[in-house]
Amino acid sequence: MDEIMTGQAKRCLNEPCPPDNRDDCPFCDIIRHISPAEVVRRWDDAIAFRPFKPVSVGHTLVVPIRHIDTFLDDPDITAATMRRASELTGSFKPGTDNVGWNLITSAGELATQTIRHFHVHIVCRTPNDGLKLPWTKKETQ
C-alpha cells in the first residue's frame, strides 16, 4: 500500500502531518523524513539537526515542527523553539569552560535568511575560531 500512495498522504503515513507543512520547504522535508539529516534531538514541537555546511563543531539548527516563515509569524512557536534551543545548548558538554555560544535567527532575505522556515542556529564559539557575525565591522584595508 505504501508504494501506491503519493504526495502528502505518503509523506505523513507514519506520523501526523504538521499543520502548515509545505511541500517546497527543505526543513519540512527533513521533518517528514523525506530528506536525510543528522538529527540531534526531536521533541513533539521541534527538531534539532546538523546543517549541511556547519560553521563550527557542534553547529546545530533547531526548527519548529510546524512551518512558519520567520520568528515574526507566531510568538508562541518562536518562544517554544528558542526554549528548545536553550535546553539543547545547556546539555552540550564541550569539555572546556573556554567556550561561548551564539543563538542566531534571521527574518527575511535582507537579514541573511536563506530558508523560509523559522530556525535557530546554535553556534559554539571558541577562542580564535575566526567566525565573523554578519554585523561584525569589516576591517578596512
Protein backbone atom coordinates (compact mmCIF):
# COMPACT_ATOMS: atom_id res chain seq x y z
CA MET A 1 0.00 0.00 0.00
CA ASP A 2 2.85 2.40 0.79
CA GLU A 3 4.13 2.03 -2.77
CA ILE A 4 0.93 3.30 -4.38
CA MET A 5 0.44 6.28 -2.10
CA THR A 6 1.74 9.60 -3.34
CA GLY A 7 2.07 13.20 -2.23
CA GLN A 8 1.01 14.34 1.21
CA ALA A 9 -0.60 11.01 2.15
CA LYS A 10 2.66 9.09 1.66
CA ARG A 11 4.72 11.73 3.43
CA CYS A 12 2.52 11.57 6.52
CA LEU A 13 1.91 7.83 6.57
CA ASN A 14 3.85 7.10 9.78
CA GLU A 15 3.01 10.23 11.76
CA PRO A 16 0.57 13.12 11.55
CA CYS A 17 1.48 15.86 9.13
CA PRO A 18 2.25 19.13 10.90
CA PRO A 19 -0.19 21.95 10.18
CA ASP A 20 1.01 24.41 7.55
CA ASN A 21 3.71 21.97 6.39
CA ARG A 22 5.00 22.96 2.95
CA ASP A 23 5.84 20.74 0.00
CA ASP A 24 8.53 23.18 -1.20
CA CYS A 25 10.40 23.54 2.13
CA PRO A 26 13.63 21.59 2.73
CA PHE A 27 13.16 21.72 6.52
CA CYS A 28 9.61 20.35 6.20
CA ASP A 29 11.09 17.53 4.11
CA ILE A 30 13.52 16.72 6.95
CA ILE A 31 10.66 16.82 9.47
CA ARG A 32 8.66 14.40 7.27
CA HIS A 33 11.69 12.10 6.84
CA ILE A 34 11.79 12.74 3.09
CA SER A 35 15.26 14.31 3.16
CA PRO A 36 18.16 13.00 5.22
CA ALA A 37 19.58 14.86 8.20
CA GLU A 38 21.80 14.15 11.17
CA VAL A 39 19.14 14.56 13.83
CA VAL A 40 20.48 15.55 17.25
CA ARG A 41 17.14 15.56 19.08
CA ARG A 42 13.43 15.53 18.34
CA TRP A 43 10.63 16.87 20.53
CA ASP A 44 6.90 16.97 19.83
CA ASP A 45 7.18 20.65 18.77
CA ALA A 46 10.72 20.94 17.33
CA ILE A 47 13.62 19.07 15.80
CA ALA A 48 17.36 19.72 16.09
CA PHE A 49 19.76 18.65 13.36
CA ARG A 50 23.18 19.47 11.95
CA PRO A 51 23.28 21.82 8.96
CA PHE A 52 24.80 20.57 5.72
CA LYS A 53 27.55 23.21 5.94
CA PRO A 54 28.36 23.73 9.63
CA VAL A 55 30.40 26.80 10.55
CA SER A 56 31.78 25.28 13.78
CA VAL A 57 31.98 21.97 15.59
CA GLY A 58 28.55 21.23 17.01
CA HIS A 59 26.72 23.81 14.86
CA THR A 60 23.07 22.79 15.15
CA LEU A 61 19.74 24.04 13.82
CA VAL A 62 16.59 23.98 15.94
CA VAL A 63 13.44 24.08 13.80
CA PRO A 64 9.79 24.05 14.84
CA ILE A 65 7.76 21.11 13.56
CA ARG A 66 5.02 23.50 12.48
CA HIS A 67 6.07 25.60 9.49
CA ILE A 68 6.25 29.35 10.00
CA ASP A 69 8.38 31.52 7.73
CA THR A 70 10.05 33.70 10.38
CA PHE A 71 10.05 34.46 14.09
CA LEU A 72 7.64 37.31 13.32
CA ASP A 73 4.82 34.93 12.33
CA ASP A 74 3.95 33.32 15.68
CA PRO A 75 5.36 34.42 19.04
CA ASP A 76 4.33 31.16 20.74
CA ILE A 77 6.14 28.94 18.24
CA THR A 78 9.14 31.29 18.34
CA ALA A 79 9.30 31.14 22.16
CA ALA A 80 8.92 27.33 22.23
CA THR A 81 11.67 26.89 19.63
CA MET A 82 14.03 29.22 21.49
CA ARG A 83 13.29 27.28 24.69
CA ARG A 84 14.28 24.05 22.91
CA ALA A 85 17.48 25.69 21.62
CA SER A 86 18.34 26.80 25.16
CA GLU A 87 17.64 23.33 26.60
CA LEU A 88 19.78 21.68 23.95
CA THR A 89 22.66 24.12 24.27
CA GLY A 90 22.70 23.61 28.04
CA SER A 91 23.03 19.85 27.52
CA PHE A 92 26.13 20.12 25.28
CA LYS A 93 29.34 19.23 27.07
CA PRO A 94 32.18 20.86 25.13
CA GLY A 95 34.85 19.69 27.61
CA THR A 96 36.13 23.17 28.42
CA ASP A 97 34.94 26.34 30.07
CA ASN A 98 36.64 28.30 27.29
CA VAL A 99 33.54 28.18 25.07
CA GLY A 100 30.86 30.68 24.15
CA TRP A 101 27.59 30.35 22.26
CA ASN A 102 25.57 32.23 19.68
CA LEU A 103 21.85 31.65 19.16
CA ILE A 104 21.11 33.24 15.81
CA THR A 105 17.95 33.65 13.78
CA SER A 106 17.02 35.92 10.90
CA ALA A 107 13.81 37.15 9.30
CA GLY A 108 13.94 37.82 5.59
CA GLU A 109 16.46 37.77 2.80
CA LEU A 110 17.98 41.12 3.75
CA ALA A 111 18.75 39.65 7.19
CA THR A 112 20.54 36.66 5.59
CA GLN A 113 17.64 34.18 5.89
CA THR A 114 18.03 31.67 3.05
CA ILE A 115 15.38 29.07 4.00
CA ARG A 116 11.88 30.38 4.68
CA HIS A 117 11.17 28.17 7.69
CA PHE A 118 11.93 29.71 11.08
CA HIS A 119 15.07 28.20 12.58
CA VAL A 120 17.64 28.95 15.24
CA HIS A 121 21.35 28.36 14.77
CA ILE A 122 23.29 27.16 17.80
CA VAL A 123 26.92 28.05 17.14
CA CYS A 124 29.68 27.03 19.52
CA ARG A 125 32.39 29.68 19.79
CA THR A 126 36.00 29.10 20.81
CA PRO A 127 38.97 31.43 21.10
CA ASN A 128 40.39 32.41 17.72
CA ASP A 129 37.70 30.49 15.78
CA GLY A 130 37.77 33.21 13.13
CA LEU A 131 33.99 33.34 12.74
CA LYS A 132 32.59 36.75 11.94
CA LEU A 133 28.96 37.54 12.55
CA PRO A 134 27.09 39.32 9.75
CA TRP A 135 27.15 42.61 11.67
CA THR A 136 30.83 42.41 12.66
CA LYS A 137 32.55 45.52 11.36
CA LYS A 138 34.64 44.78 8.31
CA GLU A 139 38.24 45.76 8.58
CA THR A 140 39.41 48.46 6.21
CA GLN A 141 42.45 47.88 4.09
